[in-house]
Amino acid sequence: MNQLEGIISDRGSRYSVSGGPAATRSEVDAFLKLLKKNKKYAKATHNTWAVLLPDGTPLKGDDGESGAGMVIARMLEREGLVGHVIVVTRWYGGKHLGGDRFRHVQDAVRAYVEAFVHKG
């Protein structure tokens, strides 16, 4: 499992991003279960995720952060990143972020891709 913790902080909300190989829905579920074994992630407000299956089918989960899974899925499609789940975790800080929350999801995914997919 690859992780970047505490990469974004805005008005009290904190973001981390995690990812790893997943070619099926059951592998995604296993990845999420492994992530949530860490109590910090289990208690997070949102664990939004997306994956492109090897046949090109996008799967996503918003976990209460409406629309965030689609943001991740679109970025995976643009990168051509297949069989790799990316999870953006948010701990809510008490203030609504409005549209900025989507920018933060994009920034988190971008940081992940730069750190673990396009390694230099």
Protein backbone atom coordinates (compact mmCIF):
# COMPACT_ATOMS: atom_id res chain seq x y z
CA MET A 1 0.00 0.00 0.00
CA ASN A 2 1.32 3.42 -1.01
CA GLN A 3 0.34 6.42 1.14
CA LEU A 4 0.91 10.15 1.38
CA GLU A 5 -0.38 11.41 4.72
CA GLY A 6 -1.40 14.93 5.68
CA ILE A 7 -0.74 16.33 2.23
CA ILE A 8 -3.50 18.96 2.28
CA SER A 9 -4.95 20.99 5.13
CA ASP A 10 -7.73 23.55 4.64
CA ARG A 11 -9.97 25.15 7.27
CA GLY A 12 -9.39 22.28 9.64
CA SER A 13 -10.00 19.48 7.14
CA ARG A 14 -7.03 17.19 6.50
CA TYR A 15 -6.43 14.96 3.49
CA SER A 16 -4.35 11.87 2.80
CA VAL A 17 -4.18 9.65 -0.27
CA SER A 18 -3.57 5.89 -0.51
CA GLY A 19 -3.49 3.42 -3.35
CA GLY A 20 -2.42 0.06 -4.64
CA PRO A 21 -3.14 -2.63 -7.20
CA ALA A 22 -6.76 -3.78 -7.55
CA ALA A 23 -8.13 -5.52 -10.65
CA THR A 24 -11.52 -6.64 -9.25
CA ARG A 25 -14.21 -5.33 -6.93
CA SER A 26 -13.21 -7.89 -4.31
CA GLU A 27 -9.61 -6.63 -4.45
CA VAL A 28 -10.90 -3.07 -3.95
CA ASP A 29 -12.93 -4.23 -0.94
CA ALA A 30 -9.87 -6.00 0.49
CA PHE A 31 -7.78 -2.84 -0.01
CA LEU A 32 -10.39 -0.68 1.77
CA LYS A 33 -10.59 -3.21 4.61
CA LEU A 34 -6.80 -3.15 4.99
CA LEU A 35 -6.79 0.67 4.96
CA LYS A 36 -9.48 0.82 7.65
CA LYS A 37 -7.57 -1.56 9.91
CA ASN A 38 -5.74 1.64 10.81
CA LYS A 39 -8.15 3.26 13.30
CA LYS A 40 -7.26 6.72 12.04
CA TYR A 41 -8.60 5.82 8.57
CA ALA A 42 -11.57 3.89 9.95
CA LYS A 43 -12.63 7.04 11.84
CA ALA A 44 -12.12 9.38 8.85
CA THR A 45 -15.13 11.36 7.65
CA HIS A 46 -14.75 10.20 4.03
CA ASN A 47 -12.72 7.52 2.25
CA THR A 48 -13.59 8.25 -1.39
CA TRP A 49 -12.13 5.96 -4.02
CA ALA A 50 -12.08 4.90 -7.66
CA VAL A 51 -10.49 2.23 -9.84
CA LEU A 52 -10.50 1.40 -13.55
CA LEU A 53 -10.91 -2.34 -13.98
CA PRO A 54 -8.79 -4.05 -16.65
CA ASP A 55 -11.79 -4.05 -19.02
CA GLY A 56 -12.01 -0.25 -18.65
CA THR A 57 -15.03 -0.26 -16.33
CA PRO A 58 -14.78 2.49 -13.70
CA LEU A 59 -15.86 1.70 -10.13
CA LYS A 60 -16.12 4.41 -7.51
CA GLY A 61 -17.29 5.13 -4.00
CA ASP A 62 -18.11 8.59 -2.64
CA ASP A 63 -18.45 7.58 1.03
CA GLY A 64 -20.66 10.61 1.65
CA GLU A 65 -18.48 13.08 -0.31
CA SER A 66 -20.89 13.38 -3.24
CA GLY A 67 -19.16 13.44 -6.63
CA ALA A 68 -15.63 12.84 -5.32
CA GLY A 69 -15.39 9.27 -6.64
CA MET A 70 -16.15 10.52 -10.17
CA VAL A 71 -13.37 13.13 -9.87
CA ILE A 72 -10.89 10.35 -9.02
CA ALA A 73 -12.23 8.07 -11.80
CA ARG A 74 -11.84 10.82 -14.43
CA MET A 75 -8.25 11.42 -13.36
CA LEU A 76 -7.48 7.68 -13.56
CA GLU A 77 -8.95 7.64 -17.08
CA ARG A 78 -6.81 10.61 -18.14
CA GLU A 79 -3.70 8.90 -16.75
CA GLY A 80 -4.65 5.56 -18.29
CA LEU A 81 -4.09 4.02 -14.86
CA VAL A 82 -5.85 0.64 -14.94
CA GLY A 83 -6.07 -1.91 -12.13
CA HIS A 84 -5.00 0.56 -9.42
CA VAL A 85 -7.31 1.86 -6.70
CA ILE A 86 -6.78 5.35 -5.31
CA VAL A 87 -8.44 6.40 -2.03
CA VAL A 88 -8.62 10.05 -0.93
CA THR A 89 -9.28 10.28 2.81
CA ARG A 90 -10.70 13.41 4.45
CA TRP A 91 -11.01 14.19 8.12
CA TYR A 92 -13.66 16.93 8.33
CA GLY A 93 -12.49 20.04 10.14
CA GLY A 94 -15.81 21.68 10.97
CA LYS A 95 -16.05 24.16 8.08
CA HIS A 96 -17.64 23.51 4.70
CA LEU A 97 -15.17 23.77 1.82
CA GLY A 98 -17.68 24.04 -1.03
CA GLY A 99 -16.13 23.43 -4.44
CA ASP A 100 -12.63 23.53 -2.96
CA ARG A 101 -13.14 19.96 -1.77
CA PHE A 102 -13.01 18.76 -5.40
CA ARG A 103 -9.81 20.71 -6.01
CA HIS A 104 -8.30 19.05 -2.93
CA VAL A 105 -9.33 15.60 -4.20
CA GLN A 106 -7.67 16.39 -7.55
CA ASP A 107 -4.53 17.69 -5.84
CA ALA A 108 -4.34 14.56 -3.68
CA VAL A 109 -4.68 12.24 -6.69
CA ARG A 110 -2.12 14.30 -8.64
CA ALA A 111 0.36 14.05 -5.73
CA TYR A 112 -0.18 10.28 -5.57
CA VAL A 113 0.35 9.81 -9.32
CA GLU A 114 3.52 11.93 -9.25
CA ALA A 115 4.91 10.09 -6.20
CA PHE A 116 4.05 6.49 -7.10
CA VAL A 117 3.17 6.22 -10.81
CA HIS A 118 5.50 8.67 -12.59
CA LYS A 119 8.44 8.19 -10.25
CA GLY A 120 10.77 10.75 -11.76
